[in-house]
Amino acid sequence: MTFWRLFKALVLVTVMVSPVSPGAKAEADGGVDDCAGTTASALLAEGCRSLDAFMSAFNSRDSAKWAQTLNYPHVRIAGGDVMVWQTPEDYARTNDLEKLAASGWHHSKWDWRHLVQSSDDKLHFTVQFSRYDDQDRRLVSYESFYIVTRKDGHWGVQARSSYAGVKVPGAAF
């Protein structure tokens, strides 16, 4: 799929499934986490494992490890920008998580993840994540849209769109 076809599909699906008005930030938990407890299908379980690996690697602040949880090209839409990384090396090079930590962020958690569409090799999730400080105080929460795909046997996050903005120009956060 070409970049522009992927981009148009991502924007269309984001608009169609967004449970809040564009730009809104959810301030409290409230969604059902399809990944909590026992999952009903093997596909959902794969998607949940991929999202958990993404968040675990993100919180480890290891950019190379985080890059391995993705599929490429990887697309992020946020803050009015569309960012595309072609390789894990490109992604790791531009995502020094210590820069986000300097803003007061310590870690993030999924508040909920809801599978809205699926096929044998692609899963669409609406999610909400929150960022926390080192005292585990919630700083902010954002609803987002994640596309998890299977490429060459690897499940990973292929694309995401959020209202989180861009804290560091060129970075994925």
N, C-alpha and C. Protein backbone atom coordinates (compact mmCIF):
# COMPACT_ATOMS: atom_id res chain seq x y z
N MET A 1 0.86 -1.17 0.00
CA MET A 1 0.00 0.00 0.00
C MET A 1 0.90 1.23 0.00
N THR A 2 0.60 2.17 -0.84
CA THR A 2 1.40 3.38 -0.90
C THR A 2 1.18 4.22 0.34
N PHE A 3 2.11 5.10 0.61
CA PHE A 3 2.01 5.97 1.78
C PHE A 3 0.70 6.75 1.77
N TRP A 4 0.35 7.35 0.64
CA TRP A 4 -0.83 8.21 0.59
C TRP A 4 -2.12 7.41 0.77
N ARG A 5 -2.17 6.19 0.23
CA ARG A 5 -3.36 5.35 0.46
C ARG A 5 -3.46 4.99 1.93
N LEU A 6 -2.32 4.63 2.57
CA LEU A 6 -2.32 4.34 3.99
C LEU A 6 -2.73 5.56 4.80
N PHE A 7 -2.20 6.72 4.44
CA PHE A 7 -2.52 7.95 5.14
C PHE A 7 -4.01 8.25 5.04
N LYS A 8 -4.58 8.19 3.84
CA LYS A 8 -6.01 8.48 3.66
C LYS A 8 -6.87 7.50 4.44
N ALA A 9 -6.51 6.23 4.41
CA ALA A 9 -7.27 5.22 5.15
C ALA A 9 -7.19 5.48 6.65
N LEU A 10 -6.01 5.83 7.14
CA LEU A 10 -5.83 6.11 8.56
C LEU A 10 -6.65 7.31 8.99
N VAL A 11 -6.64 8.37 8.21
CA VAL A 11 -7.42 9.56 8.55
C VAL A 11 -8.90 9.24 8.54
N LEU A 12 -9.37 8.53 7.53
CA LEU A 12 -10.78 8.19 7.43
C LEU A 12 -11.23 7.34 8.61
N VAL A 13 -10.47 6.31 8.94
CA VAL A 13 -10.85 5.44 10.05
C VAL A 13 -10.78 6.19 11.37
N THR A 14 -9.78 7.05 11.54
CA THR A 14 -9.67 7.82 12.77
C THR A 14 -10.89 8.69 12.97
N VAL A 15 -11.35 9.34 11.94
CA VAL A 15 -12.54 10.19 12.03
C VAL A 15 -13.77 9.35 12.33
N MET A 16 -13.86 8.19 11.67
CA MET A 16 -15.05 7.35 11.84
C MET A 16 -15.16 6.76 13.24
N VAL A 17 -14.04 6.38 13.86
CA VAL A 17 -14.12 5.68 15.15
C VAL A 17 -13.81 6.57 16.34
N SER A 18 -13.44 7.81 16.13
CA SER A 18 -13.07 8.67 17.24
C SER A 18 -14.26 8.91 18.17
N PRO A 19 -14.14 8.51 19.45
CA PRO A 19 -15.26 8.65 20.37
C PRO A 19 -15.37 10.05 20.97
N VAL A 20 -14.45 10.93 20.65
CA VAL A 20 -14.51 12.29 21.15
C VAL A 20 -14.29 13.24 19.99
N SER A 21 -14.62 14.49 20.19
CA SER A 21 -14.41 15.44 19.13
C SER A 21 -12.92 15.65 18.91
N PRO A 22 -12.51 15.97 17.66
CA PRO A 22 -11.10 16.15 17.37
C PRO A 22 -10.45 17.15 18.32
N GLY A 23 -9.26 16.78 18.79
CA GLY A 23 -8.51 17.66 19.67
C GLY A 23 -8.84 17.47 21.13
N ALA A 24 -9.91 16.74 21.43
CA ALA A 24 -10.30 16.56 22.83
C ALA A 24 -9.35 15.58 23.51
N LYS A 25 -9.12 15.81 24.75
CA LYS A 25 -8.29 14.94 25.55
C LYS A 25 -9.15 14.35 26.66
N ALA A 26 -9.24 13.02 26.68
CA ALA A 26 -10.00 12.38 27.75
C ALA A 26 -9.25 12.55 29.06
N GLU A 27 -9.94 12.94 30.09
CA GLU A 27 -9.30 13.21 31.37
C GLU A 27 -9.46 12.07 32.37
N ALA A 28 -10.28 11.10 32.07
CA ALA A 28 -10.49 10.02 33.02
C ALA A 28 -10.62 8.70 32.28
N ASP A 29 -10.40 7.62 33.01
CA ASP A 29 -10.63 6.30 32.44
C ASP A 29 -12.10 6.18 32.12
N GLY A 30 -12.46 5.25 31.33
CA GLY A 30 -13.86 5.09 31.01
C GLY A 30 -14.10 4.10 29.90
N GLY A 31 -13.07 3.76 29.14
CA GLY A 31 -13.25 2.79 28.08
C GLY A 31 -13.08 1.38 28.62
N VAL A 32 -13.57 0.43 27.88
CA VAL A 32 -13.42 -0.97 28.23
C VAL A 32 -12.11 -1.46 27.63
N ASP A 33 -11.28 -2.10 28.45
CA ASP A 33 -10.00 -2.59 27.96
C ASP A 33 -10.18 -4.02 27.45
N ASP A 34 -10.21 -4.16 26.11
CA ASP A 34 -10.35 -5.48 25.51
C ASP A 34 -9.16 -6.37 25.82
N CYS A 35 -8.06 -5.78 26.26
CA CYS A 35 -6.86 -6.55 26.55
C CYS A 35 -6.77 -7.00 28.01
N ALA A 36 -7.69 -6.58 28.84
CA ALA A 36 -7.68 -6.98 30.25
C ALA A 36 -8.26 -8.38 30.38
N GLY A 37 -7.60 -9.20 31.17
CA GLY A 37 -8.13 -10.54 31.42
C GLY A 37 -7.97 -11.47 30.23
N THR A 38 -8.87 -12.39 30.12
CA THR A 38 -8.83 -13.39 29.06
C THR A 38 -9.33 -12.80 27.76
N THR A 39 -8.56 -13.00 26.71
CA THR A 39 -8.98 -12.50 25.41
C THR A 39 -9.78 -13.56 24.67
N ALA A 40 -10.73 -13.11 23.87
CA ALA A 40 -11.65 -14.01 23.18
C ALA A 40 -11.05 -14.64 21.93
N SER A 41 -10.03 -14.06 21.36
CA SER A 41 -9.49 -14.61 20.12
C SER A 41 -7.97 -14.52 20.09
N ALA A 42 -7.38 -15.40 19.28
CA ALA A 42 -5.93 -15.40 19.12
C ALA A 42 -5.46 -14.09 18.49
N LEU A 43 -6.24 -13.55 17.54
CA LEU A 43 -5.86 -12.28 16.90
C LEU A 43 -5.83 -11.14 17.92
N LEU A 44 -6.86 -11.05 18.75
CA LEU A 44 -6.88 -10.01 19.78
C LEU A 44 -5.69 -10.18 20.71
N ALA A 45 -5.38 -11.41 21.08
CA ALA A 45 -4.23 -11.66 21.96
C ALA A 45 -2.93 -11.17 21.33
N GLU A 46 -2.76 -11.41 20.02
CA GLU A 46 -1.56 -10.92 19.32
C GLU A 46 -1.49 -9.40 19.36
N GLY A 47 -2.62 -8.76 19.09
CA GLY A 47 -2.66 -7.30 19.12
C GLY A 47 -2.33 -6.75 20.50
N CYS A 48 -2.89 -7.36 21.52
CA CYS A 48 -2.64 -6.91 22.90
C CYS A 48 -1.19 -7.09 23.28
N ARG A 49 -0.59 -8.25 22.88
CA ARG A 49 0.83 -8.46 23.15
C ARG A 49 1.69 -7.40 22.46
N SER A 50 1.31 -7.06 21.23
CA SER A 50 2.06 -6.04 20.49
C SER A 50 1.97 -4.69 21.18
N LEU A 51 0.77 -4.32 21.61
CA LEU A 51 0.60 -3.04 22.31
C LEU A 51 1.33 -3.04 23.65
N ASP A 52 1.29 -4.16 24.37
CA ASP A 52 2.02 -4.25 25.64
C ASP A 52 3.53 -4.14 25.42
N ALA A 53 4.03 -4.80 24.38
CA ALA A 53 5.47 -4.72 24.07
C ALA A 53 5.86 -3.28 23.71
N PHE A 54 5.01 -2.60 22.93
CA PHE A 54 5.23 -1.21 22.57
C PHE A 54 5.37 -0.35 23.82
N MET A 55 4.41 -0.48 24.75
CA MET A 55 4.43 0.35 25.96
C MET A 55 5.60 0.00 26.86
N SER A 56 5.90 -1.27 27.00
CA SER A 56 7.02 -1.70 27.83
C SER A 56 8.34 -1.14 27.29
N ALA A 57 8.54 -1.24 25.98
CA ALA A 57 9.76 -0.72 25.37
C ALA A 57 9.83 0.80 25.48
N PHE A 58 8.71 1.47 25.28
CA PHE A 58 8.64 2.92 25.43
C PHE A 58 9.08 3.33 26.83
N ASN A 59 8.54 2.66 27.84
CA ASN A 59 8.87 2.98 29.23
C ASN A 59 10.30 2.62 29.59
N SER A 60 10.92 1.69 28.87
CA SER A 60 12.31 1.32 29.15
C SER A 60 13.28 2.42 28.70
N ARG A 61 12.79 3.34 27.86
CA ARG A 61 13.59 4.44 27.29
C ARG A 61 14.70 3.94 26.38
N ASP A 62 14.54 2.73 25.89
CA ASP A 62 15.50 2.14 24.96
C ASP A 62 14.92 2.30 23.56
N SER A 63 15.39 3.28 22.82
CA SER A 63 14.84 3.60 21.51
C SER A 63 14.97 2.45 20.51
N ALA A 64 16.07 1.72 20.56
CA ALA A 64 16.25 0.59 19.64
C ALA A 64 15.24 -0.51 19.96
N LYS A 65 15.03 -0.78 21.23
CA LYS A 65 14.04 -1.79 21.63
C LYS A 65 12.63 -1.34 21.24
N TRP A 66 12.33 -0.06 21.44
CA TRP A 66 11.02 0.49 21.07
C TRP A 66 10.81 0.34 19.56
N ALA A 67 11.85 0.63 18.78
CA ALA A 67 11.76 0.55 17.32
C ALA A 67 11.43 -0.87 16.86
N GLN A 68 11.86 -1.88 17.61
CA GLN A 68 11.60 -3.27 17.23
C GLN A 68 10.15 -3.68 17.46
N THR A 69 9.36 -2.87 18.16
CA THR A 69 7.94 -3.19 18.39
C THR A 69 7.05 -2.68 17.26
N LEU A 70 7.65 -2.06 16.27
CA LEU A 70 6.91 -1.43 15.17
C LEU A 70 7.08 -2.22 13.88
N ASN A 71 6.22 -1.93 12.91
CA ASN A 71 6.40 -2.39 11.54
C ASN A 71 6.65 -1.16 10.68
N TYR A 72 7.34 -1.39 9.55
CA TYR A 72 7.79 -0.28 8.71
C TYR A 72 7.30 -0.42 7.28
N PRO A 73 7.08 0.73 6.63
CA PRO A 73 7.25 2.08 7.18
C PRO A 73 6.27 2.32 8.32
N HIS A 74 6.72 3.08 9.30
CA HIS A 74 5.89 3.40 10.46
C HIS A 74 5.41 4.85 10.31
N VAL A 75 4.12 5.06 10.57
CA VAL A 75 3.50 6.38 10.39
C VAL A 75 2.93 6.86 11.72
N ARG A 76 3.18 8.12 12.05
CA ARG A 76 2.54 8.76 13.20
C ARG A 76 1.96 10.10 12.75
N ILE A 77 0.69 10.30 13.08
CA ILE A 77 0.01 11.57 12.80
C ILE A 77 -0.27 12.23 14.14
N ALA A 78 0.30 13.41 14.34
CA ALA A 78 0.10 14.13 15.61
C ALA A 78 0.54 15.57 15.45
N GLY A 79 -0.11 16.45 16.18
CA GLY A 79 0.30 17.85 16.19
C GLY A 79 0.32 18.50 14.82
N GLY A 80 -0.55 18.04 13.93
CA GLY A 80 -0.59 18.62 12.58
C GLY A 80 0.50 18.10 11.67
N ASP A 81 1.30 17.14 12.14
CA ASP A 81 2.39 16.58 11.34
C ASP A 81 2.12 15.13 11.01
N VAL A 82 2.66 14.69 9.88
CA VAL A 82 2.67 13.29 9.51
C VAL A 82 4.14 12.89 9.44
N MET A 83 4.52 11.98 10.32
CA MET A 83 5.91 11.53 10.36
C MET A 83 5.97 10.10 9.87
N VAL A 84 6.98 9.80 9.06
CA VAL A 84 7.15 8.46 8.51
C VAL A 84 8.60 8.04 8.71
N TRP A 85 8.79 6.84 9.27
CA TRP A 85 10.11 6.26 9.43
C TRP A 85 10.16 5.01 8.58
N GLN A 86 11.20 4.84 7.80
CA GLN A 86 11.31 3.71 6.88
C GLN A 86 11.95 2.48 7.53
N THR A 87 12.79 2.68 8.56
CA THR A 87 13.53 1.55 9.16
C THR A 87 13.59 1.70 10.67
N PRO A 88 13.85 0.60 11.37
CA PRO A 88 14.04 0.69 12.82
C PRO A 88 15.21 1.60 13.19
N GLU A 89 16.24 1.60 12.37
CA GLU A 89 17.42 2.44 12.65
C GLU A 89 17.06 3.93 12.59
N ASP A 90 16.27 4.31 11.58
CA ASP A 90 15.82 5.70 11.47
C ASP A 90 14.98 6.08 12.69
N TYR A 91 14.10 5.18 13.08
CA TYR A 91 13.20 5.45 14.20
C TYR A 91 14.01 5.63 15.50
N ALA A 92 14.91 4.70 15.78
CA ALA A 92 15.70 4.76 17.01
C ALA A 92 16.57 6.02 17.05
N ARG A 93 17.14 6.39 15.93
CA ARG A 93 18.03 7.55 15.86
C ARG A 93 17.30 8.86 16.20
N THR A 94 16.01 8.96 15.87
CA THR A 94 15.29 10.22 16.07
C THR A 94 14.42 10.24 17.33
N ASN A 95 14.53 9.22 18.16
CA ASN A 95 13.64 9.12 19.33
C ASN A 95 14.39 8.88 20.63
N ASP A 96 15.08 9.90 21.08
CA ASP A 96 15.77 9.85 22.37
C ASP A 96 14.75 10.14 23.46
N LEU A 97 14.33 9.11 24.18
CA LEU A 97 13.27 9.26 25.17
C LEU A 97 13.69 10.06 26.40
N GLU A 98 14.96 10.29 26.56
CA GLU A 98 15.40 11.15 27.67
C GLU A 98 14.90 12.59 27.47
N LYS A 99 14.67 12.97 26.22
CA LYS A 99 14.12 14.31 25.95
C LYS A 99 12.70 14.42 26.48
N LEU A 100 11.90 13.37 26.35
CA LEU A 100 10.56 13.38 26.93
C LEU A 100 10.64 13.37 28.45
N ALA A 101 11.57 12.61 29.00
CA ALA A 101 11.73 12.55 30.46
C ALA A 101 12.07 13.92 31.04
N ALA A 102 12.79 14.73 30.29
CA ALA A 102 13.14 16.07 30.76
C ALA A 102 11.90 16.94 30.96
N SER A 103 10.77 16.57 30.35
CA SER A 103 9.53 17.34 30.50
C SER A 103 8.76 16.97 31.77
N GLY A 104 9.25 15.99 32.53
CA GLY A 104 8.56 15.54 33.73
C GLY A 104 7.93 14.18 33.59
N TRP A 105 7.93 13.64 32.36
CA TRP A 105 7.38 12.31 32.13
C TRP A 105 8.29 11.25 32.74
N HIS A 106 7.69 10.26 33.37
CA HIS A 106 8.44 9.13 33.91
C HIS A 106 8.04 7.82 33.23
N HIS A 107 6.75 7.63 33.02
CA HIS A 107 6.25 6.42 32.37
C HIS A 107 4.84 6.65 31.85
N SER A 108 4.38 5.72 31.04
CA SER A 108 3.02 5.77 30.49
C SER A 108 2.34 4.43 30.74
N LYS A 109 1.01 4.45 30.71
CA LYS A 109 0.21 3.24 30.88
C LYS A 109 -0.99 3.30 29.94
N TRP A 110 -1.41 2.12 29.49
CA TRP A 110 -2.66 2.04 28.77
C TRP A 110 -3.79 2.18 29.78
N ASP A 111 -4.75 3.03 29.50
CA ASP A 111 -5.96 3.09 30.31
C ASP A 111 -6.96 2.07 29.79
N TRP A 112 -7.05 2.01 28.47
CA TRP A 112 -7.89 1.01 27.81
C TRP A 112 -7.50 0.88 26.35
N ARG A 113 -7.85 -0.28 25.78
CA ARG A 113 -7.63 -0.58 24.37
C ARG A 113 -8.87 -1.30 23.86
N HIS A 114 -9.41 -0.81 22.76
CA HIS A 114 -10.63 -1.40 22.23
C HIS A 114 -10.43 -1.75 20.76
N LEU A 115 -10.55 -3.04 20.45
CA LEU A 115 -10.42 -3.50 19.07
C LEU A 115 -11.69 -3.15 18.31
N VAL A 116 -11.55 -2.34 17.24
CA VAL A 116 -12.73 -1.90 16.49
C VAL A 116 -12.87 -2.57 15.13
N GLN A 117 -11.76 -3.06 14.56
CA GLN A 117 -11.80 -3.76 13.28
C GLN A 117 -10.64 -4.74 13.24
N SER A 118 -10.84 -5.85 12.51
CA SER A 118 -9.73 -6.81 12.41
C SER A 118 -9.82 -7.63 11.13
N SER A 119 -8.65 -8.09 10.70
CA SER A 119 -8.52 -9.09 9.65
C SER A 119 -7.41 -10.01 10.12
N ASP A 120 -7.03 -10.98 9.30
CA ASP A 120 -6.00 -11.93 9.73
C ASP A 120 -4.63 -11.30 9.94
N ASP A 121 -4.39 -10.12 9.34
CA ASP A 121 -3.06 -9.51 9.46
C ASP A 121 -3.09 -8.02 9.81
N LYS A 122 -4.26 -7.52 10.24
CA LYS A 122 -4.33 -6.10 10.61
C LYS A 122 -5.43 -5.90 11.65
N LEU A 123 -5.09 -5.12 12.68
CA LEU A 123 -6.01 -4.84 13.78
C LEU A 123 -6.06 -3.34 14.01
N HIS A 124 -7.27 -2.80 14.14
CA HIS A 124 -7.46 -1.38 14.44
C HIS A 124 -7.94 -1.24 15.88
N PHE A 125 -7.20 -0.47 16.67
CA PHE A 125 -7.54 -0.24 18.07
C PHE A 125 -7.79 1.24 18.33
N THR A 126 -8.85 1.56 19.05
CA THR A 126 -8.93 2.87 19.69
C THR A 126 -8.36 2.63 21.09
N VAL A 127 -7.58 3.57 21.57
CA VAL A 127 -6.91 3.39 22.86
C VAL A 127 -6.95 4.70 23.64
N GLN A 128 -6.66 4.59 24.90
CA GLN A 128 -6.34 5.76 25.70
C GLN A 128 -5.12 5.41 26.53
N PHE A 129 -4.13 6.30 26.50
CA PHE A 129 -2.95 6.13 27.35
C PHE A 129 -2.80 7.37 28.19
N SER A 130 -2.11 7.20 29.31
CA SER A 130 -1.81 8.33 30.19
C SER A 130 -0.33 8.38 30.46
N ARG A 131 0.16 9.59 30.63
CA ARG A 131 1.56 9.83 31.00
C ARG A 131 1.59 10.18 32.48
N TYR A 132 2.62 9.68 33.17
CA TYR A 132 2.74 9.85 34.62
C TYR A 132 4.11 10.41 34.99
N ASP A 133 4.17 11.06 36.15
CA ASP A 133 5.45 11.54 36.66
C ASP A 133 6.07 10.45 37.54
N ASP A 134 7.21 10.76 38.16
CA ASP A 134 7.92 9.75 38.96
C ASP A 134 7.22 9.42 40.28
N GLN A 135 6.17 10.16 40.63
CA GLN A 135 5.36 9.86 41.81
C GLN A 135 4.07 9.12 41.43
N ASP A 136 4.00 8.68 40.18
CA ASP A 136 2.84 7.98 39.61
C ASP A 136 1.59 8.85 39.58
N ARG A 137 1.80 10.17 39.45
CA ARG A 137 0.67 11.10 39.28
C ARG A 137 0.41 11.26 37.80
N ARG A 138 -0.84 11.14 37.43
CA ARG A 138 -1.22 11.28 36.02
C ARG A 138 -0.98 12.72 35.59
N LEU A 139 -0.24 12.88 34.51
CA LEU A 139 0.02 14.20 33.95
C LEU A 139 -1.03 14.57 32.91
N VAL A 140 -1.35 13.61 32.05
CA VAL A 140 -2.29 13.87 30.95
C VAL A 140 -2.71 12.53 30.35
N SER A 141 -3.88 12.51 29.72
CA SER A 141 -4.39 11.32 29.03
C SER A 141 -4.77 11.70 27.62
N TYR A 142 -4.59 10.76 26.70
CA TYR A 142 -4.92 10.99 25.30
C TYR A 142 -5.60 9.79 24.70
N GLU A 143 -6.67 10.01 23.97
CA GLU A 143 -7.26 8.97 23.14
C GLU A 143 -6.52 8.97 21.82
N SER A 144 -6.33 7.77 21.27
CA SER A 144 -5.56 7.61 20.04
C SER A 144 -6.10 6.45 19.23
N PHE A 145 -5.55 6.31 18.04
CA PHE A 145 -5.91 5.22 17.15
C PHE A 145 -4.63 4.52 16.71
N TYR A 146 -4.55 3.21 16.91
CA TYR A 146 -3.36 2.42 16.56
C TYR A 146 -3.73 1.34 15.56
N ILE A 147 -2.87 1.15 14.57
CA ILE A 147 -3.01 0.05 13.62
C ILE A 147 -1.85 -0.91 13.87
N VAL A 148 -2.21 -2.14 14.22
CA VAL A 148 -1.24 -3.20 14.48
C VAL A 148 -1.31 -4.16 13.29
N THR A 149 -0.15 -4.47 12.70
CA THR A 149 -0.12 -5.34 11.53
C THR A 149 0.84 -6.51 11.73
N ARG A 150 0.64 -7.53 10.89
CA ARG A 150 1.58 -8.64 10.83
C ARG A 150 2.29 -8.55 9.48
N LYS A 151 3.61 -8.36 9.54
CA LYS A 151 4.43 -8.30 8.32
C LYS A 151 5.56 -9.31 8.49
N ASP A 152 5.68 -10.20 7.53
CA ASP A 152 6.73 -11.23 7.57
C ASP A 152 6.72 -11.97 8.91
N GLY A 153 5.53 -12.23 9.43
CA GLY A 153 5.39 -12.98 10.68
C GLY A 153 5.54 -12.15 11.94
N HIS A 154 5.89 -10.87 11.82
CA HIS A 154 6.09 -10.00 12.99
C HIS A 154 4.87 -9.11 13.21
N TRP A 155 4.28 -9.18 14.39
CA TRP A 155 3.20 -8.28 14.77
C TRP A 155 3.82 -7.03 15.37
N GLY A 156 3.40 -5.86 14.90
CA GLY A 156 3.91 -4.60 15.42
C GLY A 156 2.98 -3.45 15.08
N VAL A 157 3.19 -2.33 15.73
CA VAL A 157 2.41 -1.13 15.47
C VAL A 157 2.90 -0.53 14.15
N GLN A 158 2.01 -0.42 13.19
CA GLN A 158 2.36 0.11 11.86
C GLN A 158 2.09 1.61 11.76
N ALA A 159 1.00 2.04 12.39
CA ALA A 159 0.62 3.45 12.30
C ALA A 159 -0.18 3.84 13.53
N ARG A 160 -0.14 5.14 13.84
CA ARG A 160 -0.91 5.65 14.97
C ARG A 160 -1.20 7.12 14.75
N SER A 161 -2.32 7.52 15.31
CA SER A 161 -2.75 8.90 15.23
C SER A 161 -3.23 9.30 16.60
N SER A 162 -2.75 10.44 17.09
CA SER A 162 -3.17 10.88 18.41
C SER A 162 -3.23 12.39 18.49
N TYR A 163 -3.81 12.85 19.58
CA TYR A 163 -3.88 14.27 19.86
C TYR A 163 -2.80 14.68 20.86
N ALA A 164 -1.83 13.80 21.04
CA ALA A 164 -0.76 14.05 22.01
C ALA A 164 0.19 15.15 21.56
N GLY A 165 0.18 15.48 20.30
CA GLY A 165 1.09 16.51 19.82
C GLY A 165 2.50 15.96 19.66
N VAL A 166 3.42 16.85 19.39
CA VAL A 166 4.82 16.48 19.20
C VAL A 166 5.65 17.28 20.19
N LYS A 167 6.21 16.60 21.18
CA LYS A 167 7.02 17.28 22.21
C LYS A 167 8.39 17.69 21.69
N VAL A 168 8.97 16.84 20.84
CA VAL A 168 10.30 17.08 20.28
C VAL A 168 10.17 16.99 18.76
N PRO A 169 10.45 18.07 18.02
CA PRO A 169 10.31 18.02 16.56
C PRO A 169 11.07 16.85 15.95
N GLY A 170 10.37 16.11 15.09
CA GLY A 170 10.97 14.95 14.42
C GLY A 170 10.88 13.66 15.21
N ALA A 171 10.47 13.74 16.47
CA ALA A 171 10.38 12.54 17.31
C ALA A 171 8.96 11.99 17.28
N ALA A 172 8.79 10.80 17.82
CA ALA A 172 7.51 10.11 17.83
C ALA A 172 6.76 10.30 19.14
N PHE A 173 7.06 11.38 19.84
CA PHE A 173 6.37 11.67 21.10
C PHE A 173 6.23 13.16 21.27
